[in-house]
Amino acid sequence: MTRAARRALSVIFLAAGIVFFAAEAAVDAFPFTTVYITRPGRFYHRHNCIVIRNGRPIAISVSNAKEQGFYPCRKCEPPAW
């Protein structure tokens, strides 16, 4: 997507009173979005989260992470649904 197209989308979303990144919203709209957990952690993370940088992250879907009792990380703010 070009810079002009992104700017046009952000203007449209801001005009509608919705402030978010359209690309992230589209990716995060699915419960099968991949997130990462570490053992013995209690949180799930995005792939680029600084918290899991030195660990051995395990890929898992958001729905499975929530079913297993994990919470979204407060630093990287992965999808919470």
Protein backbone atom coordinates (compact mmCIF):
# COMPACT_ATOMS: atom_id res chain seq x y z
CA MET A 1 0.00 0.00 0.00
CA THR A 2 1.40 3.36 -0.93
CA ARG A 3 1.95 6.22 1.47
CA ALA A 4 -0.83 8.23 -0.19
CA ALA A 5 -3.27 5.35 0.13
CA ARG A 6 -2.41 4.88 3.82
CA ARG A 7 -2.86 8.59 4.43
CA ALA A 8 -6.24 8.53 2.67
CA LEU A 9 -7.36 5.55 4.77
CA SER A 10 -6.25 7.19 7.99
CA VAL A 11 -8.18 10.35 7.08
CA ILE A 12 -11.28 8.28 6.37
CA PHE A 13 -10.99 6.40 9.67
CA LEU A 14 -10.26 9.56 11.63
CA ALA A 15 -13.26 11.25 10.03
CA ALA A 16 -15.43 8.35 11.17
CA GLY A 17 -14.07 8.65 14.71
CA ILE A 18 -12.19 5.35 14.50
CA VAL A 19 -8.51 5.51 15.39
CA PHE A 20 -6.58 2.35 14.62
CA PHE A 21 -4.23 0.92 12.06
CA ALA A 22 -6.34 -0.59 9.29
CA ALA A 23 -3.78 -3.23 8.34
CA GLU A 24 -3.43 -4.50 11.90
CA ALA A 25 -7.17 -4.52 12.40
CA ALA A 26 -7.61 -6.69 9.31
CA VAL A 27 -4.98 -9.18 10.47
CA ASP A 28 -6.19 -9.26 14.07
CA ALA A 29 -9.82 -9.78 13.12
CA PHE A 30 -9.44 -13.56 13.05
CA PRO A 31 -9.33 -15.72 16.21
CA PHE A 32 -6.70 -17.90 14.52
CA THR A 33 -4.13 -15.11 14.42
CA THR A 34 -0.79 -16.50 15.55
CA VAL A 35 0.61 -15.25 18.83
CA TYR A 36 3.49 -16.56 20.92
CA ILE A 37 3.75 -17.90 24.46
CA THR A 38 6.67 -18.93 26.63
CA ARG A 39 6.78 -21.44 29.41
CA PRO A 40 6.22 -20.79 32.31
CA GLY A 41 4.68 -17.47 31.25
CA ARG A 42 1.12 -16.24 31.74
CA PHE A 43 0.93 -13.91 28.73
CA TYR A 44 0.80 -14.22 24.94
CA HIS A 45 2.73 -11.89 22.67
CA ARG A 46 3.19 -10.59 19.12
CA HIS A 47 6.12 -11.98 17.15
CA ASN A 48 8.23 -8.86 17.71
CA CYS A 49 7.63 -8.38 21.45
CA ILE A 50 10.74 -7.52 23.45
CA VAL A 51 9.58 -9.78 26.29
CA ILE A 52 10.02 -12.98 24.24
CA ARG A 53 13.19 -11.90 22.44
CA ASN A 54 15.53 -14.05 24.58
CA GLY A 55 13.13 -16.91 25.21
CA ARG A 56 11.92 -19.86 23.16
CA PRO A 57 8.50 -18.74 21.99
CA ILE A 58 5.84 -21.27 21.05
CA ALA A 59 3.44 -20.34 18.23
CA ILE A 60 -0.24 -20.68 19.12
CA SER A 61 -3.55 -19.17 17.97
CA VAL A 62 -5.22 -16.43 20.02
CA SER A 63 -8.22 -18.63 20.73
CA ASN A 64 -6.02 -21.49 22.00
CA ALA A 65 -3.95 -19.11 24.13
CA LYS A 66 -7.09 -17.75 25.77
CA GLU A 67 -8.49 -21.26 26.30
CA GLN A 68 -5.26 -22.21 28.09
CA GLY A 69 -5.57 -19.22 30.42
CA PHE A 70 -3.02 -16.85 28.89
CA TYR A 71 -3.55 -13.07 28.97
CA PRO A 72 -2.50 -10.50 26.33
CA CYS A 73 0.88 -8.85 26.96
CA ARG A 74 0.66 -5.24 28.14
CA LYS A 75 3.78 -4.19 26.23
CA CYS A 76 3.07 -5.45 22.68
CA GLU A 77 -0.76 -5.46 22.96
CA PRO A 78 -1.64 -8.53 20.87
CA PRO A 79 -5.28 -9.11 19.84
CA ALA A 80 -7.45 -9.77 22.86
CA TRP A 81 -10.40 -11.61 21.28
